[in-house]
PDB file of all heavy atoms in Angstrom:
ATOM      1  N   THR A   1     106.139  86.730  76.335  1.00  0.00           N
ATOM      2  CA  THR A   1     105.063  86.102  77.057  1.00  0.00           C
ATOM      3  C   THR A   1     105.592  85.311  78.271  1.00  0.00           C
ATOM      4  O   THR A   1     104.985  85.370  79.327  1.00  0.00           O
ATOM      5  CB  THR A   1     104.256  85.154  76.147  1.00  0.00           C
ATOM      6  OG1 THR A   1     103.758  85.910  75.044  1.00  0.00           O
ATOM      7  CG2 THR A   1     103.068  84.554  76.882  1.00  0.00           C
ATOM      8  N   ALA A   2     106.669  84.580  78.100  1.00  0.00           N
ATOM      9  CA  ALA A   2     107.222  83.813  79.193  1.00  0.00           C
ATOM     10  C   ALA A   2     107.700  84.727  80.318  1.00  0.00           C
ATOM     11  O   ALA A   2     107.417  84.452  81.490  1.00  0.00           O
ATOM     12  CB  ALA A   2     108.382  82.929  78.711  1.00  0.00           C
ATOM     13  N   ALA A   3     108.363  85.801  79.967  1.00  0.00           N
ATOM     14  CA  ALA A   3     108.807  86.733  81.014  1.00  0.00           C
ATOM     15  C   ALA A   3     107.637  87.381  81.758  1.00  0.00           C
ATOM     16  O   ALA A   3     107.630  87.450  82.972  1.00  0.00           O
ATOM     17  CB  ALA A   3     109.672  87.858  80.366  1.00  0.00           C
ATOM     18  N   GLY A   4     106.628  87.751  81.005  1.00  0.00           N
ATOM     19  CA  GLY A   4     105.437  88.351  81.641  1.00  0.00           C
ATOM     20  C   GLY A   4     104.656  87.361  82.476  1.00  0.00           C
ATOM     21  O   GLY A   4     104.180  87.696  83.561  1.00  0.00           O
ATOM     22  N   ALA A   5     104.549  86.135  82.002  1.00  0.00           N
ATOM     23  CA  ALA A   5     103.800  85.114  82.743  1.00  0.00           C
ATOM     24  C   ALA A   5     104.486  84.759  84.045  1.00  0.00           C
ATOM     25  O   ALA A   5     103.836  84.603  85.088  1.00  0.00           O
ATOM     26  CB  ALA A   5     103.627  83.865  81.897  1.00  0.00           C
ATOM     27  N   VAL A   6     105.791  84.638  84.030  1.00  0.00           N
ATOM     28  CA  VAL A   6     106.530  84.310  85.237  1.00  0.00           C
ATOM     29  C   VAL A   6     106.419  85.484  86.233  1.00  0.00           C
ATOM     30  O   VAL A   6     106.174  85.278  87.446  1.00  0.00           O
ATOM     31  CB  VAL A   6     108.020  84.024  84.934  1.00  0.00           C
ATOM     32  CG1 VAL A   6     108.867  83.994  86.189  1.00  0.00           C
ATOM     33  CG2 VAL A   6     108.117  82.703  84.195  1.00  0.00           C
ATOM     34  N   ARG A   7     106.535  86.704  85.759  1.00  0.00           N
ATOM     35  CA  ARG A   7     106.439  87.876  86.607  1.00  0.00           C
ATOM     36  C   ARG A   7     105.044  87.955  87.245  1.00  0.00           C
ATOM     37  O   ARG A   7     104.890  88.202  88.444  1.00  0.00           O
ATOM     38  CB  ARG A   7     106.774  89.122  85.845  1.00  0.00           C
ATOM     39  CG  ARG A   7     106.720  90.381  86.675  1.00  0.00           C
ATOM     40  CD  ARG A   7     107.103  91.596  85.837  1.00  0.00           C
ATOM     41  NE  ARG A   7     107.006  92.803  86.600  1.00  0.00           N
ATOM     42  CZ  ARG A   7     107.989  93.364  87.264  1.00  0.00           C
ATOM     43  NH1 ARG A   7     109.190  92.793  87.196  1.00  0.00           N
ATOM     44  NH2 ARG A   7     107.819  94.441  87.924  1.00  0.00           N
ATOM     45  N   CYS A   8     103.990  87.833  86.462  1.00  0.00           N
ATOM     46  CA  CYS A   8     102.635  87.919  86.975  1.00  0.00           C
ATOM     47  C   CYS A   8     102.295  86.758  87.894  1.00  0.00           C
ATOM     48  O   CYS A   8     101.570  86.926  88.865  1.00  0.00           O
ATOM     49  CB  CYS A   8     101.635  88.025  85.824  1.00  0.00           C
ATOM     50  SG  CYS A   8     101.669  89.601  84.966  1.00  0.00           S
ATOM     51  N   SER A   9     102.827  85.571  87.632  1.00  0.00           N
ATOM     52  CA  SER A   9     102.590  84.442  88.506  1.00  0.00           C
ATOM     53  C   SER A   9     103.253  84.654  89.854  1.00  0.00           C
ATOM     54  O   SER A   9     102.657  84.368  90.889  1.00  0.00           O
ATOM     55  CB  SER A   9     103.130  83.172  87.825  1.00  0.00           C
ATOM     56  OG  SER A   9     102.862  82.065  88.617  1.00  0.00           O
ATOM     57  N   ASP A  10     104.468  85.181  89.881  1.00  0.00           N
ATOM     58  CA  ASP A  10     105.141  85.502  91.119  1.00  0.00           C
ATOM     59  C   ASP A  10     104.360  86.584  91.902  1.00  0.00           C
ATOM     60  O   ASP A  10     104.234  86.491  93.113  1.00  0.00           O
ATOM     61  CB  ASP A  10     106.557  86.009  90.885  1.00  0.00           C
ATOM     62  CG  ASP A  10     107.545  84.895  90.591  1.00  0.00           C
ATOM     63  OD1 ASP A  10     107.160  83.702  90.800  1.00  0.00           O
ATOM     64  OD2 ASP A  10     108.652  85.194  90.127  1.00  0.00           O
ATOM     65  N   SER A  11     103.896  87.579  91.205  1.00  0.00           N
ATOM     66  CA  SER A  11     103.119  88.663  91.840  1.00  0.00           C
ATOM     67  C   SER A  11     101.860  88.112  92.489  1.00  0.00           C
ATOM     68  O   SER A  11     101.517  88.466  93.623  1.00  0.00           O
ATOM     69  CB  SER A  11     102.762  89.723  90.791  1.00  0.00           C
ATOM     70  OG  SER A  11     101.979  90.720  91.372  1.00  0.00           O
ATOM     71  N   TYR A  12     101.163  87.224  91.774  1.00  0.00           N
ATOM     72  CA  TYR A  12      99.944  86.630  92.317  1.00  0.00           C
ATOM     73  C   TYR A  12     100.238  85.749  93.530  1.00  0.00           C
ATOM     74  O   TYR A  12      99.485  85.726  94.498  1.00  0.00           O
ATOM     75  CB  TYR A  12      99.226  85.867  91.227  1.00  0.00           C
ATOM     76  CG  TYR A  12      97.858  85.390  91.645  1.00  0.00           C
ATOM     77  CD1 TYR A  12      96.799  86.294  91.779  1.00  0.00           C
ATOM     78  CD2 TYR A  12      97.602  84.064  91.905  1.00  0.00           C
ATOM     79  CE1 TYR A  12      95.556  85.877  92.159  1.00  0.00           C
ATOM     80  CE2 TYR A  12      96.345  83.638  92.278  1.00  0.00           C
ATOM     81  CZ  TYR A  12      95.321  84.545  92.418  1.00  0.00           C
ATOM     82  OH  TYR A  12      94.085  84.122  92.809  1.00  0.00           O
ATOM     83  N   ALA A  13     101.332  85.022  93.484  1.00  0.00           N
ATOM     84  CA  ALA A  13     101.713  84.160  94.637  1.00  0.00           C
ATOM     85  C   ALA A  13     102.017  85.018  95.861  1.00  0.00           C
ATOM     86  O   ALA A  13     101.640  84.642  96.984  1.00  0.00           O
ATOM     87  CB  ALA A  13     102.925  83.311  94.260  1.00  0.00           C
ATOM     88  N   VAL A  14     102.644  86.162  95.675  1.00  0.00           N
ATOM     89  CA  VAL A  14     102.921  87.053  96.812  1.00  0.00           C
ATOM     90  C   VAL A  14     101.609  87.548  97.390  1.00  0.00           C
ATOM     91  O   VAL A  14     101.438  87.587  98.606  1.00  0.00           O
ATOM     92  CB  VAL A  14     103.833  88.233  96.385  1.00  0.00           C
ATOM     93  CG1 VAL A  14     103.915  89.285  97.490  1.00  0.00           C
ATOM     94  CG2 VAL A  14     105.222  87.729  96.047  1.00  0.00           C
ATOM     95  N   ARG A  15     100.671  87.938  96.529  1.00  0.00           N
ATOM     96  CA  ARG A  15      99.354  88.397  97.009  1.00  0.00           C
ATOM     97  C   ARG A  15      98.631  87.292  97.792  1.00  0.00           C
ATOM     98  O   ARG A  15      97.987  87.563  98.788  1.00  0.00           O
ATOM     99  CB  ARG A  15      98.473  88.791  95.836  1.00  0.00           C
ATOM    100  CG  ARG A  15      98.612  90.179  95.319  1.00  0.00           C
ATOM    101  CD  ARG A  15      98.412  91.209  96.336  1.00  0.00           C
ATOM    102  NE  ARG A  15      97.060  91.656  96.468  1.00  0.00           N
ATOM    103  CZ  ARG A  15      96.755  92.762  97.093  1.00  0.00           C
ATOM    104  NH1 ARG A  15      97.682  93.527  97.620  1.00  0.00           N
ATOM    105  NH2 ARG A  15      95.516  93.136  97.263  1.00  0.00           N
ATOM    106  N   LEU A  16      98.729  86.059  97.311  1.00  0.00           N
ATOM    107  CA  LEU A  16      98.068  84.959  98.021  1.00  0.00           C
ATOM    108  C   LEU A  16      98.673  84.705  99.391  1.00  0.00           C
ATOM    109  O   LEU A  16      97.953  84.378 100.349  1.00  0.00           O
ATOM    110  CB  LEU A  16      98.170  83.663  97.208  1.00  0.00           C
ATOM    111  CG  LEU A  16      97.274  83.559  95.948  1.00  0.00           C
ATOM    112  CD1 LEU A  16      97.555  82.250  95.237  1.00  0.00           C
ATOM    113  CD2 LEU A  16      95.816  83.624  96.336  1.00  0.00           C
ATOM    114  N   HIS A  17      99.990  84.829  99.509  1.00  0.00           N
ATOM    115  CA  HIS A  17     100.658  84.566 100.760  1.00  0.00           C
ATOM    116  C   HIS A  17     100.690  85.772 101.708  1.00  0.00           C
ATOM    117  O   HIS A  17     101.142  85.652 102.832  1.00  0.00           O
ATOM    118  CB  HIS A  17     102.060  84.062 100.516  1.00  0.00           C
ATOM    119  CG  HIS A  17     102.097  82.673  99.991  1.00  0.00           C
ATOM    120  ND1 HIS A  17     101.966  82.376  98.659  1.00  0.00           N
ATOM    121  CD2 HIS A  17     102.203  81.489 100.643  1.00  0.00           C
ATOM    122  CE1 HIS A  17     102.006  81.043  98.499  1.00  0.00           C
ATOM    123  NE2 HIS A  17     102.141  80.512  99.678  1.00  0.00           N
ATOM    124  N   ALA A  18     100.216  86.918 101.247  1.00  0.00           N
ATOM    125  CA  ALA A  18     100.233  88.116 102.093  1.00  0.00           C
ATOM    126  C   ALA A  18      99.399  87.917 103.358  1.00  0.00           C
ATOM    127  O   ALA A  18      99.796  88.335 104.432  1.00  0.00           O
ATOM    128  CB  ALA A  18      99.750  89.314 101.293  1.00  0.00           C
ATOM    129  N   ALA A  19      98.271  87.278 103.222  1.00  0.00           N
ATOM    130  CA  ALA A  19      97.393  87.074 104.384  1.00  0.00           C
ATOM    131  C   ALA A  19      98.039  86.196 105.462  1.00  0.00           C
ATOM    132  O   ALA A  19      97.731  86.321 106.650  1.00  0.00           O
ATOM    133  CB  ALA A  19      96.065  86.480 103.958  1.00  0.00           C
ATOM    134  N   LYS A  20      98.921  85.304 105.055  1.00  0.00           N
ATOM    135  CA  LYS A  20      99.630  84.460 106.040  1.00  0.00           C
ATOM    136  C   LYS A  20     100.694  85.211 106.835  1.00  0.00           C
ATOM    137  O   LYS A  20     100.979  84.858 107.967  1.00  0.00           O
ATOM    138  CB  LYS A  20     100.294  83.271 105.312  1.00  0.00           C
ATOM    139  CG  LYS A  20      99.323  82.324 104.664  1.00  0.00           C
ATOM    140  CD  LYS A  20     100.060  81.248 103.941  1.00  0.00           C
ATOM    141  CE  LYS A  20      99.065  80.358 103.173  1.00  0.00           C
ATOM    142  NZ  LYS A  20      99.799  79.344 102.357  1.00  0.00           N
ATOM    143  N   HIS A  21     101.282  86.215 106.213  1.00  0.00           N
ATOM    144  CA  HIS A  21     102.397  86.929 106.811  1.00  0.00           C
ATOM    145  C   HIS A  21     102.014  88.242 107.496  1.00  0.00           C
ATOM    146  O   HIS A  21     102.770  88.728 108.338  1.00  0.00           O
ATOM    147  CB  HIS A  21     103.473  87.234 105.779  1.00  0.00           C
ATOM    148  CG  HIS A  21     104.107  86.013 105.194  1.00  0.00           C
ATOM    149  ND1 HIS A  21     104.935  85.181 105.938  1.00  0.00           N
ATOM    150  CD2 HIS A  21     104.039  85.459 103.957  1.00  0.00           C
ATOM    151  CE1 HIS A  21     105.346  84.208 105.164  1.00  0.00           C
ATOM    152  NE2 HIS A  21     104.807  84.351 103.953  1.00  0.00           N
ATOM    153  N   LEU A  22     100.893  88.823 107.103  1.00  0.00           N
ATOM    154  CA  LEU A  22     100.556  90.152 107.582  1.00  0.00           C
ATOM    155  C   LEU A  22      99.267  90.161 108.415  1.00  0.00           C
ATOM    156  O   LEU A  22      98.385  89.330 108.199  1.00  0.00           O
ATOM    157  CB  LEU A  22     100.342  91.097 106.376  1.00  0.00           C
ATOM    158  CG  LEU A  22     101.498  91.173 105.394  1.00  0.00           C
ATOM    159  CD1 LEU A  22     101.149  92.099 104.249  1.00  0.00           C
ATOM    160  CD2 LEU A  22     102.778  91.619 106.039  1.00  0.00           C
ATOM    161  N   SER A  23      99.178  91.128 109.308  1.00  0.00           N
ATOM    162  CA  SER A  23      97.963  91.292 110.093  1.00  0.00           C
ATOM    163  C   SER A  23      96.914  92.034 109.235  1.00  0.00           C
ATOM    164  O   SER A  23      97.242  92.535 108.139  1.00  0.00           O
ATOM    165  CB  SER A  23      98.257  92.100 111.337  1.00  0.00           C
ATOM    166  OG  SER A  23      98.620  93.421 111.028  1.00  0.00           O
ATOM    167  N   ARG A  24      95.714  92.145 109.750  1.00  0.00           N
ATOM    168  CA  ARG A  24      94.662  92.836 108.986  1.00  0.00           C
ATOM    169  C   ARG A  24      95.006  94.312 108.749  1.00  0.00           C
ATOM    170  O   ARG A  24      94.755  94.834 107.707  1.00  0.00           O
ATOM    171  CB  ARG A  24      93.331  92.739 109.739  1.00  0.00           C
ATOM    172  CG  ARG A  24      92.707  91.405 109.668  1.00  0.00           C
ATOM    173  CD  ARG A  24      91.388  91.369 110.409  1.00  0.00           C
ATOM    174  NE  ARG A  24      90.875  90.027 110.498  1.00  0.00           N
ATOM    175  CZ  ARG A  24      89.755  89.643 109.961  1.00  0.00           C
ATOM    176  NH1 ARG A  24      88.981  90.487 109.336  1.00  0.00           N
ATOM    177  NH2 ARG A  24      89.378  88.384 110.087  1.00  0.00           N
ATOM    178  N   VAL A  25      95.575  94.957 109.759  1.00  0.00           N
ATOM    179  CA  VAL A  25      95.943  96.370 109.612  1.00  0.00           C
ATOM    180  C   VAL A  25      97.049  96.488 108.549  1.00  0.00           C
ATOM    181  O   VAL A  25      97.013  97.424 107.726  1.00  0.00           O
ATOM    182  CB  VAL A  25      96.422  96.934 110.971  1.00  0.00           C
ATOM    183  CG1 VAL A  25      96.933  98.345 110.809  1.00  0.00           C
ATOM    184  CG2 VAL A  25      95.287  96.881 111.986  1.00  0.00           C
ATOM    185  N   GLU A  26      98.009  95.601 108.553  1.00  0.00           N
ATOM    186  CA  GLU A  26      99.083  95.643 107.557  1.00  0.00           C
ATOM    187  C   GLU A  26      98.561  95.362 106.148  1.00  0.00           C
ATOM    188  O   GLU A  26      99.025  95.924 105.186  1.00  0.00           O
ATOM    189  CB  GLU A  26     100.186  94.649 107.918  1.00  0.00           C
ATOM    190  CG  GLU A  26     100.954  95.033 109.169  1.00  0.00           C
ATOM    191  CD  GLU A  26     101.825  93.944 109.714  1.00  0.00           C
ATOM    192  OE1 GLU A  26     101.669  92.760 109.283  1.00  0.00           O
ATOM    193  OE2 GLU A  26     102.680  94.255 110.542  1.00  0.00           O
ATOM    194  N   LEU A  27      97.570  94.466 106.045  1.00  0.00           N
ATOM    195  CA  LEU A  27      96.958  94.178 104.737  1.00  0.00           C
ATOM    196  C   LEU A  27      96.289  95.377 104.146  1.00  0.00           C
ATOM    197  O   LEU A  27      96.262  95.547 102.922  1.00  0.00           O
ATOM    198  CB  LEU A  27      95.950  93.029 104.870  1.00  0.00           C
ATOM    199  CG  LEU A  27      96.557  91.608 104.864  1.00  0.00           C
ATOM    200  CD1 LEU A  27      95.474  90.607 105.142  1.00  0.00           C
ATOM    201  CD2 LEU A  27      97.280  91.323 103.586  1.00  0.00           C
ATOM    202  N   THR A  28      95.726  96.261 104.989  1.00  0.00           N
ATOM    203  CA  THR A  28      95.066  97.468 104.462  1.00  0.00           C
ATOM    204  C   THR A  28      96.074  98.441 103.882  1.00  0.00           C
ATOM    205  O   THR A  28      95.710  99.261 103.027  1.00  0.00           O
ATOM    206  CB  THR A  28      94.213  98.165 105.552  1.00  0.00           C
ATOM    207  OG1 THR A  28      95.048  98.542 106.601  1.00  0.00           O
ATOM    208  CG2 THR A  28      93.110  97.263 106.031  1.00  0.00           C
ATOM    209  N   THR A  29      97.312  98.390 104.330  1.00  0.00           N
ATOM    210  CA  THR A  29      98.354  99.303 103.822  1.00  0.00           C
ATOM    211  C   THR A  29      99.157  98.692 102.693  1.00  0.00           C
ATOM    212  O   THR A  29     100.040  99.356 102.140  1.00  0.00           O
ATOM    213  CB  THR A  29      99.310  99.726 104.937  1.00  0.00           C
ATOM    214  OG1 THR A  29     100.014  98.587 105.409  1.00  0.00           O
ATOM    215  CG2 THR A  29      98.546 100.388 106.082  1.00  0.00           C
ATOM    216  N   LEU A  30      98.861  97.436 102.294  1.00  0.00           N
ATOM    217  CA  LEU A  30      99.616  96.734 101.259  1.00  0.00           C
ATOM    218  C   LEU A  30      99.398  97.382  99.896  1.00  0.00           C
ATOM    219  O   LEU A  30      98.243  97.623  99.477  1.00  0.00           O
ATOM    220  CB  LEU A  30      99.205  95.268 101.220  1.00  0.00           C
ATOM    221  CG  LEU A  30     100.034  94.352 100.344  1.00  0.00           C
ATOM    222  CD1 LEU A  30     101.436  94.199 100.862  1.00  0.00           C
ATOM    223  CD2 LEU A  30      99.350  92.990 100.243  1.00  0.00           C
ATOM    224  N   ARG A  31     100.483  97.728  99.210  1.00  0.00           N
ATOM    225  CA  ARG A  31     100.378  98.292  97.868  1.00  0.00           C
ATOM    226  C   ARG A  31     101.565  97.795  97.011  1.00  0.00           C
ATOM    227  O   ARG A  31     102.645  97.549  97.539  1.00  0.00           O
ATOM    228  CB  ARG A  31     100.369  99.833  97.923  1.00  0.00           C
ATOM    229  CG  ARG A  31     101.601 100.441  98.484  1.00  0.00           C
ATOM    230  CD  ARG A  31     101.450 101.936  98.739  1.00  0.00           C
ATOM    231  NE  ARG A  31     102.705 102.498  99.172  1.00  0.00           N
ATOM    232  CZ  ARG A  31     103.221 102.404 100.385  1.00  0.00           C
ATOM    233  NH1 ARG A  31     102.618 101.692 101.306  1.00  0.00           N
ATOM    234  NH2 ARG A  31     104.370 102.959 100.687  1.00  0.00           N
ATOM    235  N   GLY A  32     101.301  97.696  95.704  1.00  0.00           N
ATOM    236  CA  GLY A  32     102.328  97.203  94.806  1.00  0.00           C
ATOM    237  C   GLY A  32     103.342  98.268  94.450  1.00  0.00           C
ATOM    238  O   GLY A  32     103.043  99.458  94.440  1.00  0.00           O
ATOM    239  N   GLY A  33     104.546  97.841  94.137  1.00  0.00           N
ATOM    240  CA  GLY A  33     105.611  98.783  93.783  1.00  0.00           C
ATOM    241  C   GLY A  33     105.569  99.246  92.336  1.00  0.00           C
ATOM    242  O   GLY A  33     106.020 100.321  92.016  1.00  0.00           O
ATOM    243  N   GLU A  34     104.999  98.433  91.436  1.00  0.00           N
ATOM    244  CA  GLU A  34     104.928  98.775  90.026  1.00  0.00           C
ATOM    245  C   GLU A  34     103.467  98.731  89.573  1.00  0.00           C
ATOM    246  O   GLU A  34     102.583  98.261  90.275  1.00  0.00           O
ATOM    247  CB  GLU A  34     105.738  97.810  89.162  1.00  0.00           C
ATOM    248  CG  GLU A  34     107.237  97.887  89.363  1.00  0.00           C
ATOM    249  CD  GLU A  34     107.692  96.788  90.313  1.00  0.00           C
ATOM    250  OE1 GLU A  34     107.004  95.772  90.465  1.00  0.00           O
ATOM    251  OE2 GLU A  34     108.770  96.972  90.896  1.00  0.00           O
ATOM    252  N   PHE A  35     103.226  99.214  88.364  1.00  0.00           N
ATOM    253  CA  PHE A  35     101.872  99.275  87.859  1.00  0.00           C
ATOM    254  C   PHE A  35     101.340  97.911  87.444  1.00  0.00           C
ATOM    255  O   PHE A  35     100.231  97.523  87.807  1.00  0.00           O
ATOM    256  CB  PHE A  35     101.808 100.255  86.664  1.00  0.00           C
ATOM    257  CG  PHE A  35     100.479 100.282  85.969  1.00  0.00           C
ATOM    258  CD1 PHE A  35      99.394 100.824  86.610  1.00  0.00           C
ATOM    259  CD2 PHE A  35     100.315  99.753  84.700  1.00  0.00           C
ATOM    260  CE1 PHE A  35      98.137 100.853  85.994  1.00  0.00           C
ATOM    261  CE2 PHE A  35      99.095  99.791  84.089  1.00  0.00           C
ATOM    262  CZ  PHE A  35      98.002 100.340  84.739  1.00  0.00           C
ATOM    263  N   LEU A  36     102.119  97.152  86.682  1.00  0.00           N
ATOM    264  CA  LEU A  36     101.638  95.871  86.148  1.00  0.00           C
ATOM    265  C   LEU A  36     102.444  94.720  86.779  1.00  0.00           C
ATOM    266  O   LEU A  36     103.661  94.666  86.667  1.00  0.00           O
ATOM    267  CB  LEU A  36     101.831  95.845  84.613  1.00  0.00           C
ATOM    268  CG  LEU A  36     101.334  94.638  83.883  1.00  0.00           C
ATOM    269  CD1 LEU A  36      99.797  94.556  84.019  1.00  0.00           C
ATOM    270  CD2 LEU A  36     101.671  94.713  82.428  1.00  0.00           C
ATOM    271  N   CYS A  37     101.739  93.834  87.435  1.00  0.00           N
ATOM    272  CA  CYS A  37     102.332  92.651  88.085  1.00  0.00           C
ATOM    273  C   CYS A  37     103.540  92.999  88.974  1.00  0.00           C
ATOM    274  O   CYS A  37     104.681  92.576  88.687  1.00  0.00           O
ATOM    275  CB  CYS A  37     102.751  91.639  87.030  1.00  0.00           C
ATOM    276  SG  CYS A  37     101.376  91.011  86.050  1.00  0.00           S
ATOM    277  N   PRO A  38     103.316  93.758  90.027  1.00  0.00           N
ATOM    278  CA  PRO A  38     104.455  94.125  90.857  1.00  0.00           C
ATOM    279  C   PRO A  38     105.044  92.912  91.579  1.00  0.00           C
ATOM    280  O   PRO A  38     104.332  92.000  92.010  1.00  0.00           O
ATOM    281  CB  PRO A  38     103.822  95.071  91.877  1.00  0.00           C
ATOM    282  CG  PRO A  38     102.401  94.748  91.914  1.00  0.00           C
ATOM    283  CD  PRO A  38     102.046  94.251  90.538  1.00  0.00           C
ATOM    284  N   ARG A  39     106.353  92.867  91.664  1.00  0.00           N
ATOM    285  CA  ARG A  39     107.042  91.783  92.364  1.00  0.00           C
ATOM    286  C   ARG A  39     107.265  92.130  93.829  1.00  0.00           C
ATOM    287  O   ARG A  39     107.420  91.274  94.651  1.00  0.00           O
ATOM    288  CB  ARG A  39     108.354  91.495  91.677  1.00  0.00           C
ATOM    289  CG  ARG A  39     108.177  90.903  90.300  1.00  0.00           C
ATOM    290  CD  ARG A  39     109.493  90.538  89.724  1.00  0.00           C
ATOM    291  NE  ARG A  39     110.043  89.425  90.448  1.00  0.00           N
ATOM    292  CZ  ARG A  39     110.415  88.269  89.912  1.00  0.00           C
ATOM    293  NH1 ARG A  39     110.269  88.107  88.648  1.00  0.00           N
ATOM    294  NH2 ARG A  39     110.918  87.322  90.645  1.00  0.00           N
ATOM    295  N   VAL A  40     107.342  93.419  94.132  1.00  0.00           N
ATOM    296  CA  VAL A  40     107.555  93.869  95.489  1.00  0.00           C
ATOM    297  C   VAL A  40     106.308  94.621  95.948  1.00  0.00           C
ATOM    298  O   VAL A  40     105.818  95.502  95.267  1.00  0.00           O
ATOM    299  CB  VAL A  40     108.785  94.810  95.578  1.00  0.00           C
ATOM    300  CG1 VAL A  40     108.971  95.311  96.995  1.00  0.00           C
ATOM    301  CG2 VAL A  40     110.027  94.093  95.093  1.00  0.00           C
ATOM    302  N   TYR A  41     105.795  94.227  97.119  1.00  0.00           N
ATOM    303  CA  TYR A  41     104.653  94.902  97.715  1.00  0.00           C
ATOM    304  C   TYR A  41     105.154  95.564  98.992  1.00  0.00           C
ATOM    305  O   TYR A  41     105.917  95.010  99.767  1.00  0.00           O
ATOM    306  CB  TYR A  41     103.558  93.893  98.070  1.00  0.00           C
ATOM    307  CG  TYR A  41     102.822  93.419  96.849  1.00  0.00           C
ATOM    308  CD1 TYR A  41     103.219  92.310  96.129  1.00  0.00           C
ATOM    309  CD2 TYR A  41     101.643  94.058  96.446  1.00  0.00           C
ATOM    310  CE1 TYR A  41     102.535  91.877  95.024  1.00  0.00           C
ATOM    311  CE2 TYR A  41     100.950  93.641  95.335  1.00  0.00           C
ATOM    312  CZ  TYR A  41     101.408  92.535  94.633  1.00  0.00           C
ATOM    313  OH  TYR A  41     100.712  92.112  93.518  1.00  0.00           O
ATOM    314  N   TYR A  42     104.725  96.814  99.185  1.00  0.00           N
ATOM    315  CA  TYR A  42     105.074  97.593 100.370  1.00  0.00           C
ATOM    316  C   TYR A  42     103.927  97.663 101.341  1.00  0.00           C
ATOM    317  O   TYR A  42     102.759  97.695 100.933  1.00  0.00           O
ATOM    318  CB  TYR A  42     105.489  98.997  99.973  1.00  0.00           C
ATOM    319  CG  TYR A  42     106.685  99.031  99.035  1.00  0.00           C
ATOM    320  CD1 TYR A  42     106.498  99.150  97.669  1.00  0.00           C
ATOM    321  CD2 TYR A  42     107.967  98.920  99.534  1.00  0.00           C
ATOM    322  CE1 TYR A  42     107.583  99.151  96.801  1.00  0.00           C
ATOM    323  CE2 TYR A  42     109.075  98.908  98.692  1.00  0.00           C
ATOM    324  CZ  TYR A  42     108.865  99.033  97.316  1.00  0.00           C
ATOM    325  OH  TYR A  42     109.939  99.021  96.489  1.00  0.00           O
ATOM    326  N   PHE A  43     104.245  97.651 102.640  1.00  0.00           N
ATOM    327  CA  PHE A  43     103.224  97.791 103.675  1.00  0.00           C
ATOM    328  C   PHE A  43     103.823  98.452 104.890  1.00  0.00           C
ATOM    329  O   PHE A  43     105.053  98.565 105.024  1.00  0.00           O
ATOM    330  CB  PHE A  43     102.614  96.425 104.034  1.00  0.00           C
ATOM    331  CG  PHE A  43     103.585  95.481 104.673  1.00  0.00           C
ATOM    332  CD1 PHE A  43     103.661  95.364 106.043  1.00  0.00           C
ATOM    333  CD2 PHE A  43     104.386  94.667 103.879  1.00  0.00           C
ATOM    334  CE1 PHE A  43     104.559  94.485 106.629  1.00  0.00           C
ATOM    335  CE2 PHE A  43     105.280  93.799 104.452  1.00  0.00           C
ATOM    336  CZ  PHE A  43     105.377  93.700 105.850  1.00  0.00           C
ATOM    337  N   GLU A  44     102.974  98.964 105.741  1.00  0.00           N
ATOM    338  CA  GLU A  44     103.411  99.652 106.952  1.00  0.00           C
ATOM    339  C   GLU A  44     103.407  98.677 108.132  1.00  0.00           C
ATOM    340  O   GLU A  44     102.423  98.013 108.392  1.00  0.00           O
ATOM    341  CB  GLU A  44     102.462 100.817 107.288  1.00  0.00           C
ATOM    342  CG  GLU A  44     102.399 101.886 106.191  1.00  0.00           C
ATOM    343  CD  GLU A  44     103.692 102.652 106.076  1.00  0.00           C
ATOM    344  OE1 GLU A  44     104.346 102.899 107.100  1.00  0.00           O
ATOM    345  OE2 GLU A  44     104.037 103.023 104.923  1.00  0.00           O
TER     346      GLU A  44
END
């Protein structure tokens, strides 16, 4: 549970900060690298 909670919390924090770092066009191409709580998000 601790490992999963930390991973999902980090994933959610990245999603929250994506709007600060990316333009609207880049946000439309944003996708997660893994199925459950991805830590790395890819965009164009």
